[in-house]
């Protein structure tokens, strides 16, 4: 990370890491997720996914693999990234993770 890298750029890079780590840790290849990140950027992709009512299949797959820590939701709830999201978006991410037992 360079000192010139913005918080949004850091988040974007971490979203790319979600894709890479999902492949190596779970054998899960979230191709559509990567396409969205490349097309819209990490922050906008997270916002779009959090705006959907249904839980994404990727979150279910990561839960089955016992790696919710690799999810986009886990990134969004990190305090360092809170300024990039609304209170509602952070709450949605937290609620989804809670529903899958992430905080137990």
PDB file of N, CA and C in Angstrom:
ATOM      1  N   UNK A   1       0.847  -1.181   0.000  1.00  0.00           N
ATOM      2  CA  UNK A   1       0.000   0.000   0.000  1.00  0.00           C
ATOM      3  C   UNK A   1       0.887   1.236   0.000  1.00  0.00           C
ATOM      4  N   UNK A   2       0.601   2.144  -0.876  1.00  0.00           N
ATOM      5  CA  UNK A   2       1.362   3.388  -0.928  1.00  0.00           C
ATOM      6  C   UNK A   2       0.635   4.453  -0.121  1.00  0.00           C
ATOM      7  N   UNK A   3       1.363   5.479   0.279  1.00  0.00           N
ATOM      8  CA  UNK A   3       0.750   6.550   1.060  1.00  0.00           C
ATOM      9  C   UNK A   3      -0.261   7.340   0.228  1.00  0.00           C
ATOM     10  N   UNK A   4      -0.110   7.288  -1.092  1.00  0.00           N
ATOM     11  CA  UNK A   4      -1.032   8.012  -1.968  1.00  0.00           C
ATOM     12  C   UNK A   4      -2.324   7.231  -2.243  1.00  0.00           C
ATOM     13  N   UNK A   5      -2.356   5.976  -1.881  1.00  0.00           N
ATOM     14  CA  UNK A   5      -3.527   5.150  -2.160  1.00  0.00           C
ATOM     15  C   UNK A   5      -4.701   5.595  -1.287  1.00  0.00           C
ATOM     16  N   UNK A   6      -5.816   5.897  -1.923  1.00  0.00           N
ATOM     17  CA  UNK A   6      -6.988   6.349  -1.177  1.00  0.00           C
ATOM     18  C   UNK A   6      -7.666   5.170  -0.490  1.00  0.00           C
ATOM     19  N   UNK A   7      -8.554   5.482   0.440  1.00  0.00           N
ATOM     20  CA  UNK A   7      -9.306   4.446   1.139  1.00  0.00           C
ATOM     21  C   UNK A   7     -10.149   3.632   0.153  1.00  0.00           C
ATOM     22  N   UNK A   8     -10.742   4.312  -0.821  1.00  0.00           N
ATOM     23  CA  UNK A   8     -11.542   3.611  -1.833  1.00  0.00           C
ATOM     24  C   UNK A   8     -10.665   2.670  -2.656  1.00  0.00           C
ATOM     25  N   UNK A   9      -9.445   3.084  -2.960  1.00  0.00           N
ATOM     26  CA  UNK A   9      -8.528   2.216  -3.702  1.00  0.00           C
ATOM     27  C   UNK A   9      -8.112   1.008  -2.858  1.00  0.00           C
ATOM     28  N   UNK A  10      -7.912   1.239  -1.574  1.00  0.00           N
ATOM     29  CA  UNK A  10      -7.585   0.133  -0.672  1.00  0.00           C
ATOM     30  C   UNK A  10      -8.732  -0.869  -0.635  1.00  0.00           C
ATOM     31  N   UNK A  11      -9.958  -0.343  -0.533  1.00  0.00           N
ATOM     32  CA  UNK A  11     -11.129  -1.219  -0.505  1.00  0.00           C
ATOM     33  C   UNK A  11     -11.231  -1.998  -1.808  1.00  0.00           C
ATOM     34  N   UNK A  12     -11.020  -1.315  -2.917  1.00  0.00           N
ATOM     35  CA  UNK A  12     -11.076  -1.968  -4.231  1.00  0.00           C
ATOM     36  C   UNK A  12     -10.073  -3.127  -4.291  1.00  0.00           C
ATOM     37  N   UNK A  13      -8.862  -2.863  -3.847  1.00  0.00           N
ATOM     38  CA  UNK A  13      -7.823  -3.900  -3.850  1.00  0.00           C
ATOM     39  C   UNK A  13      -8.233  -5.083  -2.966  1.00  0.00           C
ATOM     40  N   UNK A  14      -8.833  -4.788  -1.828  1.00  0.00           N
ATOM     41  CA  UNK A  14      -9.291  -5.854  -0.929  1.00  0.00           C
ATOM     42  C   UNK A  14     -10.427  -6.661  -1.566  1.00  0.00           C
ATOM     43  N   UNK A  15     -11.271  -6.009  -2.361  1.00  0.00           N
ATOM     44  CA  UNK A  15     -12.344  -6.729  -3.058  1.00  0.00           C
ATOM     45  C   UNK A  15     -11.752  -7.685  -4.096  1.00  0.00           C
ATOM     46  N   UNK A  16     -10.702  -7.286  -4.785  1.00  0.00           N
ATOM     47  CA  UNK A  16     -10.010  -8.194  -5.709  1.00  0.00           C
ATOM     48  C   UNK A  16      -9.425  -9.363  -4.919  1.00  0.00           C
ATOM     49  N   UNK A  17      -8.904  -9.076  -3.723  1.00  0.00           N
ATOM     50  CA  UNK A  17      -8.375 -10.140  -2.871  1.00  0.00           C
ATOM     51  C   UNK A  17      -9.457 -11.127  -2.442  1.00  0.00           C
ATOM     52  N   UNK A  18     -10.695 -10.634  -2.249  1.00  0.00           N
ATOM     53  CA  UNK A  18     -11.810 -11.527  -1.927  1.00  0.00           C
ATOM     54  C   UNK A  18     -11.932 -12.590  -3.019  1.00  0.00           C
ATOM     55  N   UNK A  19     -11.857 -12.144  -4.263  1.00  0.00           N
ATOM     56  CA  UNK A  19     -11.941 -13.069  -5.396  1.00  0.00           C
ATOM     57  C   UNK A  19     -10.788 -14.079  -5.345  1.00  0.00           C
ATOM     58  N   UNK A  20      -9.565 -13.579  -5.212  1.00  0.00           N
ATOM     59  CA  UNK A  20      -8.388 -14.456  -5.222  1.00  0.00           C
ATOM     60  C   UNK A  20      -8.397 -15.443  -4.056  1.00  0.00           C
ATOM     61  N   UNK A  21      -8.710 -14.955  -2.869  1.00  0.00           N
ATOM     62  CA  UNK A  21      -8.702 -15.821  -1.688  1.00  0.00           C
ATOM     63  C   UNK A  21      -9.841 -16.822  -1.708  1.00  0.00           C
ATOM     64  N   UNK A  22     -10.970 -16.458  -2.282  1.00  0.00           N
ATOM     65  CA  UNK A  22     -12.087 -17.407  -2.402  1.00  0.00           C
ATOM     66  C   UNK A  22     -11.695 -18.585  -3.279  1.00  0.00           C
ATOM     67  N   UNK A  23     -10.934 -18.284  -4.335  1.00  0.00           N
ATOM     68  CA  UNK A  23     -10.455 -19.357  -5.215  1.00  0.00           C
ATOM     69  C   UNK A  23      -9.521 -20.285  -4.465  1.00  0.00           C
ATOM     70  N   UNK A  24      -8.537 -19.721  -3.780  1.00  0.00           N
ATOM     71  CA  UNK A  24      -7.524 -20.565  -3.141  1.00  0.00           C
ATOM     72  C   UNK A  24      -8.038 -21.252  -1.883  1.00  0.00           C
ATOM     73  N   UNK A  25      -8.876 -20.589  -1.102  1.00  0.00           N
ATOM     74  CA  UNK A  25      -9.331 -21.167   0.165  1.00  0.00           C
ATOM     75  C   UNK A  25     -10.491 -22.137   0.009  1.00  0.00           C
ATOM     76  N   UNK A  26     -11.340 -21.884  -0.969  1.00  0.00           N
ATOM     77  CA  UNK A  26     -12.569 -22.672  -1.086  1.00  0.00           C
ATOM     78  C   UNK A  26     -12.757 -23.334  -2.449  1.00  0.00           C
ATOM     79  N   UNK A  27     -11.922 -23.011  -3.401  1.00  0.00           N
ATOM     80  CA  UNK A  27     -12.142 -23.516  -4.747  1.00  0.00           C
ATOM     81  C   UNK A  27     -13.325 -22.844  -5.412  1.00  0.00           C
ATOM     82  N   UNK A  28     -13.765 -21.721  -4.844  1.00  0.00           N
ATOM     83  CA  UNK A  28     -14.907 -20.971  -5.352  1.00  0.00           C
ATOM     84  C   UNK A  28     -14.396 -19.858  -6.258  1.00  0.00           C
ATOM     85  N   UNK A  29     -14.927 -19.791  -7.466  1.00  0.00           N
ATOM     86  CA  UNK A  29     -14.481 -18.793  -8.439  1.00  0.00           C
ATOM     87  C   UNK A  29     -15.649 -17.841  -8.736  1.00  0.00           C
ATOM     88  N   UNK A  30     -15.750 -16.740  -7.990  1.00  0.00           N
ATOM     89  CA  UNK A  30     -16.860 -15.800  -8.186  1.00  0.00           C
ATOM     90  C   UNK A  30     -16.627 -14.863  -9.375  1.00  0.00           C
ATOM     91  N   UNK A  31     -16.769 -15.410 -10.563  1.00  0.00           N
ATOM     92  CA  UNK A  31     -16.470 -14.682 -11.792  1.00  0.00           C
ATOM     93  C   UNK A  31     -17.316 -13.419 -11.943  1.00  0.00           C
ATOM     94  N   UNK A  32     -18.604 -13.515 -11.709  1.00  0.00           N
ATOM     95  CA  UNK A  32     -19.486 -12.350 -11.855  1.00  0.00           C
ATOM     96  C   UNK A  32     -19.098 -11.256 -10.861  1.00  0.00           C
ATOM     97  N   UNK A  33     -18.737 -11.647  -9.646  1.00  0.00           N
ATOM     98  CA  UNK A  33     -18.274 -10.699  -8.636  1.00  0.00           C
ATOM     99  C   UNK A  33     -17.064  -9.932  -9.149  1.00  0.00           C
ATOM    100  N   UNK A  34     -16.085 -10.647  -9.698  1.00  0.00           N
ATOM    101  CA  UNK A  34     -14.883 -10.004 -10.223  1.00  0.00           C
ATOM    102  C   UNK A  34     -15.230  -9.060 -11.367  1.00  0.00           C
ATOM    103  N   UNK A  35     -16.129  -9.482 -12.239  1.00  0.00           N
ATOM    104  CA  UNK A  35     -16.549  -8.621 -13.345  1.00  0.00           C
ATOM    105  C   UNK A  35     -17.162  -7.325 -12.829  1.00  0.00           C
ATOM    106  N   UNK A  36     -17.988  -7.435 -11.798  1.00  0.00           N
ATOM    107  CA  UNK A  36     -18.623  -6.241 -11.225  1.00  0.00           C
ATOM    108  C   UNK A  36     -17.570  -5.309 -10.633  1.00  0.00           C
ATOM    109  N   UNK A  37     -16.616  -5.880  -9.905  1.00  0.00           N
ATOM    110  CA  UNK A  37     -15.563  -5.058  -9.291  1.00  0.00           C
ATOM    111  C   UNK A  37     -14.749  -4.354 -10.364  1.00  0.00           C
ATOM    112  N   UNK A  38     -14.418  -5.060 -11.432  1.00  0.00           N
ATOM    113  CA  UNK A  38     -13.639  -4.463 -12.513  1.00  0.00           C
ATOM    114  C   UNK A  38     -14.432  -3.387 -13.248  1.00  0.00           C
ATOM    115  N   UNK A  39     -15.723  -3.608 -13.404  1.00  0.00           N
ATOM    116  CA  UNK A  39     -16.559  -2.665 -14.144  1.00  0.00           C
ATOM    117  C   UNK A  39     -16.960  -1.443 -13.320  1.00  0.00           C
ATOM    118  N   UNK A  40     -17.324  -1.660 -12.056  1.00  0.00           N
ATOM    119  CA  UNK A  40     -17.894  -0.584 -11.236  1.00  0.00           C
ATOM    120  C   UNK A  40     -16.978  -0.106 -10.108  1.00  0.00           C
ATOM    121  N   UNK A  41     -15.917  -0.848  -9.840  1.00  0.00           N
ATOM    122  CA  UNK A  41     -15.060  -0.527  -8.699  1.00  0.00           C
ATOM    123  C   UNK A  41     -15.549  -1.241  -7.456  1.00  0.00           C
ATOM    124  N   UNK A  42     -14.678  -1.370  -6.489  1.00  0.00           N
ATOM    125  CA  UNK A  42     -14.998  -2.127  -5.282  1.00  0.00           C
ATOM    126  C   UNK A  42     -16.112  -1.532  -4.450  1.00  0.00           C
ATOM    127  N   UNK A  43     -16.064  -0.221  -4.229  1.00  0.00           N
ATOM    128  CA  UNK A  43     -17.067   0.418  -3.373  1.00  0.00           C
ATOM    129  C   UNK A  43     -18.443   0.349  -4.012  1.00  0.00           C
ATOM    130  N   UNK A  44     -18.534   0.694  -5.288  1.00  0.00           N
ATOM    131  CA  UNK A  44     -19.836   0.670  -5.967  1.00  0.00           C
ATOM    132  C   UNK A  44     -20.386  -0.753  -6.049  1.00  0.00           C
ATOM    133  N   UNK A  45     -19.526  -1.734  -6.267  1.00  0.00           N
ATOM    134  CA  UNK A  45     -19.977  -3.130  -6.298  1.00  0.00           C
ATOM    135  C   UNK A  45     -20.554  -3.525  -4.950  1.00  0.00           C
ATOM    136  N   UNK A  46     -19.875  -3.184  -3.876  1.00  0.00           N
ATOM    137  CA  UNK A  46     -20.381  -3.502  -2.538  1.00  0.00           C
ATOM    138  C   UNK A  46     -21.737  -2.836  -2.319  1.00  0.00           C
ATOM    139  N   UNK A  47     -21.861  -1.572  -2.703  1.00  0.00           N
ATOM    140  CA  UNK A  47     -23.134  -0.864  -2.537  1.00  0.00           C
ATOM    141  C   UNK A  47     -24.258  -1.547  -3.313  1.00  0.00           C
ATOM    142  N   UNK A  48     -23.968  -1.947  -4.539  1.00  0.00           N
ATOM    143  CA  UNK A  48     -24.985  -2.618  -5.363  1.00  0.00           C
ATOM    144  C   UNK A  48     -25.409  -3.947  -4.745  1.00  0.00           C
ATOM    145  N   UNK A  49     -24.440  -4.710  -4.261  1.00  0.00           N
ATOM    146  CA  UNK A  49     -24.765  -6.011  -3.663  1.00  0.00           C
ATOM    147  C   UNK A  49     -25.521  -5.849  -2.349  1.00  0.00           C
ATOM    148  N   UNK A  50     -25.174  -4.840  -1.569  1.00  0.00           N
ATOM    149  CA  UNK A  50     -25.865  -4.600  -0.308  1.00  0.00           C
ATOM    150  C   UNK A  50     -27.281  -4.071  -0.525  1.00  0.00           C
ATOM    151  N   UNK A  51     -27.535  -3.461  -1.661  1.00  0.00           N
ATOM    152  CA  UNK A  51     -28.865  -2.919  -1.960  1.00  0.00           C
ATOM    153  C   UNK A  51     -29.858  -4.016  -2.344  1.00  0.00           C
ATOM    154  N   UNK A  52     -29.354  -5.186  -2.680  1.00  0.00           N
ATOM    155  CA  UNK A  52     -30.233  -6.293  -3.077  1.00  0.00           C
ATOM    156  C   UNK A  52     -30.823  -6.945  -1.830  1.00  0.00           C
ATOM    157  N   UNK A  53     -32.088  -7.330  -1.930  1.00  0.00           N
ATOM    158  CA  UNK A  53     -32.751  -7.970  -0.792  1.00  0.00           C
ATOM    159  C   UNK A  53     -32.262  -9.388  -0.563  1.00  0.00           C
ATOM    160  N   UNK A  54     -31.961 -10.082  -1.641  1.00  0.00           N
ATOM    161  CA  UNK A  54     -31.567 -11.483  -1.501  1.00  0.00           C
ATOM    162  C   UNK A  54     -30.080 -11.588  -1.161  1.00  0.00           C
ATOM    163  N   UNK A  55     -29.759 -12.608  -0.400  1.00  0.00           N
ATOM    164  CA  UNK A  55     -28.367 -12.889  -0.056  1.00  0.00           C
ATOM    165  C   UNK A  55     -27.689 -13.482  -1.285  1.00  0.00           C
ATOM    166  N   UNK A  56     -26.491 -13.025  -1.561  1.00  0.00           N
ATOM    167  CA  UNK A  56     -25.749 -13.507  -2.724  1.00  0.00           C
ATOM    168  C   UNK A  56     -25.276 -14.947  -2.506  1.00  0.00           C
ATOM    169  N   UNK A  57     -25.242 -15.718  -3.581  1.00  0.00           N
ATOM    170  CA  UNK A  57     -24.799 -17.109  -3.483  1.00  0.00           C
ATOM    171  C   UNK A  57     -23.358 -17.201  -2.999  1.00  0.00           C
ATOM    172  N   UNK A  58     -22.556 -16.181  -3.281  1.00  0.00           N
ATOM    173  CA  UNK A  58     -21.170 -16.180  -2.829  1.00  0.00           C
ATOM    174  C   UNK A  58     -21.058 -16.206  -1.317  1.00  0.00           C
ATOM    175  N   UNK A  59     -21.939 -15.498  -0.638  1.00  0.00           N
ATOM    176  CA  UNK A  59     -21.921 -15.492   0.825  1.00  0.00           C
ATOM    177  C   UNK A  59     -22.275 -16.878   1.351  1.00  0.00           C
ATOM    178  N   UNK A  60     -23.234 -17.510   0.721  1.00  0.00           N
ATOM    179  CA  UNK A  60     -23.622 -18.877   1.119  1.00  0.00           C
ATOM    180  C   UNK A  60     -22.454 -19.836   0.892  1.00  0.00           C
ATOM    181  N   UNK A  61     -21.798 -19.717  -0.235  1.00  0.00           N
ATOM    182  CA  UNK A  61     -20.652 -20.580  -0.540  1.00  0.00           C
ATOM    183  C   UNK A  61     -19.531 -20.379   0.469  1.00  0.00           C
ATOM    184  N   UNK A  62     -19.235 -19.134   0.818  1.00  0.00           N
ATOM    185  CA  UNK A  62     -18.188 -18.869   1.803  1.00  0.00           C
ATOM    186  C   UNK A  62     -18.580 -19.378   3.187  1.00  0.00           C
ATOM    187  N   UNK A  63     -19.858 -19.321   3.525  1.00  0.00           N
ATOM    188  CA  UNK A  63     -20.350 -19.876   4.786  1.00  0.00           C
ATOM    189  C   UNK A  63     -20.136 -21.389   4.804  1.00  0.00           C
ATOM    190  N   UNK A  64     -20.497 -22.050   3.700  1.00  0.00           N
ATOM    191  CA  UNK A  64     -20.317 -23.502   3.614  1.00  0.00           C
ATOM    192  C   UNK A  64     -18.843 -23.892   3.739  1.00  0.00           C
ATOM    193  N   UNK A  65     -17.972 -23.018   3.306  1.00  0.00           N
ATOM    194  CA  UNK A  65     -16.527 -23.240   3.345  1.00  0.00           C
ATOM    195  C   UNK A  65     -15.915 -22.771   4.677  1.00  0.00           C
ATOM    196  N   UNK A  66     -16.771 -22.232   5.553  1.00  0.00           N
ATOM    197  CA  UNK A  66     -16.313 -21.699   6.846  1.00  0.00           C
ATOM    198  C   UNK A  66     -15.329 -20.550   6.675  1.00  0.00           C
ATOM    199  N   UNK A  67     -15.579 -19.688   5.662  1.00  0.00           N
ATOM    200  CA  UNK A  67     -14.689 -18.554   5.385  1.00  0.00           C
ATOM    201  C   UNK A  67     -15.476 -17.262   5.157  1.00  0.00           C
ATOM    202  N   UNK A  68     -16.423 -16.989   6.021  1.00  0.00           N
ATOM    203  CA  UNK A  68     -17.155 -15.725   5.918  1.00  0.00           C
ATOM    204  C   UNK A  68     -16.223 -14.522   6.056  1.00  0.00           C
ATOM    205  N   UNK A  69     -15.060 -14.737   6.642  1.00  0.00           N
ATOM    206  CA  UNK A  69     -14.081 -13.654   6.772  1.00  0.00           C
ATOM    207  C   UNK A  69     -13.601 -13.155   5.414  1.00  0.00           C
ATOM    208  N   UNK A  70     -13.798 -13.943   4.374  1.00  0.00           N
ATOM    209  CA  UNK A  70     -13.398 -13.552   3.024  1.00  0.00           C
ATOM    210  C   UNK A  70     -14.501 -12.802   2.269  1.00  0.00           C
ATOM    211  N   UNK A  71     -15.633 -12.599   2.900  1.00  0.00           N
ATOM    212  CA  UNK A  71     -16.773 -11.999   2.203  1.00  0.00           C
ATOM    213  C   UNK A  71     -16.661 -10.482   2.074  1.00  0.00           C
ATOM    214  N   UNK A  72     -17.378  -9.959   1.101  1.00  0.00           N
ATOM    215  CA  UNK A  72     -17.485  -8.519   0.918  1.00  0.00           C
ATOM    216  C   UNK A  72     -18.092  -7.894   2.164  1.00  0.00           C
ATOM    217  N   UNK A  73     -19.057  -8.567   2.772  1.00  0.00           N
ATOM    218  CA  UNK A  73     -19.707  -8.054   3.974  1.00  0.00           C
ATOM    219  C   UNK A  73     -18.701  -7.880   5.113  1.00  0.00           C
ATOM    220  N   UNK A  74     -17.779  -8.834   5.242  1.00  0.00           N
ATOM    221  CA  UNK A  74     -16.760  -8.739   6.292  1.00  0.00           C
ATOM    222  C   UNK A  74     -15.842  -7.545   6.061  1.00  0.00           C
ATOM    223  N   UNK A  75     -15.610  -7.199   4.812  1.00  0.00           N
ATOM    224  CA  UNK A  75     -14.818  -5.992   4.514  1.00  0.00           C
ATOM    225  C   UNK A  75     -15.580  -4.724   4.896  1.00  0.00           C
ATOM    226  N   UNK A  76     -16.847  -4.684   4.533  1.00  0.00           N
ATOM    227  CA  UNK A  76     -17.660  -3.486   4.762  1.00  0.00           C
ATOM    228  C   UNK A  76     -17.753  -3.163   6.249  1.00  0.00           C
ATOM    229  N   UNK A  77     -17.822  -4.172   7.105  1.00  0.00           N
ATOM    230  CA  UNK A  77     -17.985  -3.887   8.537  1.00  0.00           C
ATOM    231  C   UNK A  77     -16.673  -3.516   9.228  1.00  0.00           C
ATOM    232  N   UNK A  78     -15.556  -3.600   8.519  1.00  0.00           N
ATOM    233  CA  UNK A  78     -14.288  -3.195   9.125  1.00  0.00           C
ATOM    234  C   UNK A  78     -14.318  -1.686   9.378  1.00  0.00           C
ATOM    235  N   UNK A  79     -14.037  -1.267  10.616  1.00  0.00           N
ATOM    236  CA  UNK A  79     -14.117   0.161  10.952  1.00  0.00           C
ATOM    237  C   UNK A  79     -13.311   1.069  10.013  1.00  0.00           C
ATOM    238  N   UNK A  80     -12.198   0.588   9.507  1.00  0.00           N
ATOM    239  CA  UNK A  80     -11.378   1.434   8.628  1.00  0.00           C
ATOM    240  C   UNK A  80     -12.109   1.828   7.346  1.00  0.00           C
ATOM    241  N   UNK A  81     -13.120   1.035   6.928  1.00  0.00           N
ATOM    242  CA  UNK A  81     -13.846   1.324   5.694  1.00  0.00           C
ATOM    243  C   UNK A  81     -15.220   1.954   5.930  1.00  0.00           C
ATOM    244  N   UNK A  82     -15.597   2.204   7.176  1.00  0.00           N
ATOM    245  CA  UNK A  82     -16.932   2.727   7.480  1.00  0.00           C
ATOM    246  C   UNK A  82     -17.245   4.032   6.755  1.00  0.00           C
ATOM    247  N   UNK A  83     -16.259   4.881   6.570  1.00  0.00           N
ATOM    248  CA  UNK A  83     -16.540   6.177   5.937  1.00  0.00           C
ATOM    249  C   UNK A  83     -16.943   6.052   4.470  1.00  0.00           C
ATOM    250  N   UNK A  84     -16.739   4.876   3.887  1.00  0.00           N
ATOM    251  CA  UNK A  84     -17.105   4.666   2.480  1.00  0.00           C
ATOM    252  C   UNK A  84     -18.574   4.276   2.304  1.00  0.00           C
ATOM    253  N   UNK A  85     -19.236   3.926   3.419  1.00  0.00           N
ATOM    254  CA  UNK A  85     -20.584   3.371   3.338  1.00  0.00           C
ATOM    255  C   UNK A  85     -21.538   4.083   4.288  1.00  0.00           C
ATOM    256  N   UNK A  86     -22.831   3.957   3.982  1.00  0.00           N
ATOM    257  CA  UNK A  86     -23.844   4.531   4.862  1.00  0.00           C
ATOM    258  C   UNK A  86     -24.032   3.616   6.069  1.00  0.00           C
ATOM    259  N   UNK A  87     -24.657   4.164   7.084  1.00  0.00           N
ATOM    260  CA  UNK A  87     -24.971   3.376   8.274  1.00  0.00           C
ATOM    261  C   UNK A  87     -25.843   2.183   7.899  1.00  0.00           C
ATOM    262  N   UNK A  88     -26.769   2.388   6.981  1.00  0.00           N
ATOM    263  CA  UNK A  88     -27.663   1.314   6.539  1.00  0.00           C
ATOM    264  C   UNK A  88     -26.893   0.217   5.804  1.00  0.00           C
ATOM    265  N   UNK A  89     -25.958   0.594   4.963  1.00  0.00           N
ATOM    266  CA  UNK A  89     -25.163  -0.411   4.236  1.00  0.00           C
ATOM    267  C   UNK A  89     -24.320  -1.236   5.206  1.00  0.00           C
ATOM    268  N   UNK A  90     -23.732  -0.590   6.182  1.00  0.00           N
ATOM    269  CA  UNK A  90     -22.937  -1.315   7.178  1.00  0.00           C
ATOM    270  C   UNK A  90     -23.832  -2.245   7.990  1.00  0.00           C
ATOM    271  N   UNK A  91     -25.012  -1.756   8.362  1.00  0.00           N
ATOM    272  CA  UNK A  91     -25.960  -2.585   9.120  1.00  0.00           C
ATOM    273  C   UNK A  91     -26.416  -3.788   8.302  1.00  0.00           C
ATOM    274  N   UNK A  92     -26.644  -3.604   7.019  1.00  0.00           N
ATOM    275  CA  UNK A  92     -27.045  -4.712   6.141  1.00  0.00           C
ATOM    276  C   UNK A  92     -25.951  -5.770   6.095  1.00  0.00           C
ATOM    277  N   UNK A  93     -24.709  -5.327   5.935  1.00  0.00           N
ATOM    278  CA  UNK A  93     -23.581  -6.270   5.908  1.00  0.00           C
ATOM    279  C   UNK A  93     -23.489  -7.032   7.229  1.00  0.00           C
ATOM    280  N   UNK A  94     -23.610  -6.308   8.336  1.00  0.00           N
ATOM    281  CA  UNK A  94     -23.545  -6.932   9.662  1.00  0.00           C
ATOM    282  C   UNK A  94     -24.699  -7.925   9.859  1.00  0.00           C
ATOM    283  N   UNK A  95     -25.906  -7.534   9.444  1.00  0.00           N
ATOM    284  CA  UNK A  95     -27.076  -8.406   9.586  1.00  0.00           C
ATOM    285  C   UNK A  95     -26.903  -9.697   8.800  1.00  0.00           C
ATOM    286  N   UNK A  96     -26.375  -9.590   7.588  1.00  0.00           N
ATOM    287  CA  UNK A  96     -26.165 -10.792   6.773  1.00  0.00           C
ATOM    288  C   UNK A  96     -25.159 -11.728   7.433  1.00  0.00           C
ATOM    289  N   UNK A  97     -24.078 -11.153   7.931  1.00  0.00           N
ATOM    290  CA  UNK A  97     -23.071 -11.984   8.595  1.00  0.00           C
ATOM    291  C   UNK A  97     -23.623 -12.605   9.875  1.00  0.00           C
ATOM    292  N   UNK A  98     -24.400 -11.831  10.601  1.00  0.00           N
ATOM    293  CA  UNK A  98     -25.004 -12.330  11.835  1.00  0.00           C
ATOM    294  C   UNK A  98     -25.942 -13.496  11.541  1.00  0.00           C
ATOM    295  N   UNK A  99     -26.697 -13.398  10.455  1.00  0.00           N
ATOM    296  CA  UNK A  99     -27.632 -14.456  10.084  1.00  0.00           C
ATOM    297  C   UNK A  99     -26.917 -15.788   9.820  1.00  0.00           C
ATOM    298  N   UNK A 100     -25.650 -15.711   9.430  1.00  0.00           N
ATOM    299  CA  UNK A 100     -24.856 -16.915   9.160  1.00  0.00           C
ATOM    300  C   UNK A 100     -23.938 -17.287  10.323  1.00  0.00           C
ATOM    301  N   UNK A 101     -24.121 -16.632  11.473  1.00  0.00           N
ATOM    302  CA  UNK A 101     -23.376 -16.988  12.667  1.00  0.00           C
ATOM    303  C   UNK A 101     -21.938 -16.510  12.700  1.00  0.00           C
ATOM    304  N   UNK A 102     -21.624 -15.463  11.963  1.00  0.00           N
ATOM    305  CA  UNK A 102     -20.243 -14.962  11.871  1.00  0.00           C
ATOM    306  C   UNK A 102     -19.699 -14.484  13.215  1.00  0.00           C
ATOM    307  N   UNK A 103     -20.560 -13.949  14.053  1.00  0.00           N
ATOM    308  CA  UNK A 103     -20.101 -13.342  15.304  1.00  0.00           C
ATOM    309  C   UNK A 103     -20.157 -14.284  16.500  1.00  0.00           C
ATOM    310  N   UNK A 104     -20.496 -15.537  16.279  1.00  0.00           N
ATOM    311  CA  UNK A 104     -20.604 -16.499  17.384  1.00  0.00           C
ATOM    312  C   UNK A 104     -19.259 -17.032  17.803  1.00  0.00           C
TER     313      UNK A 104
END
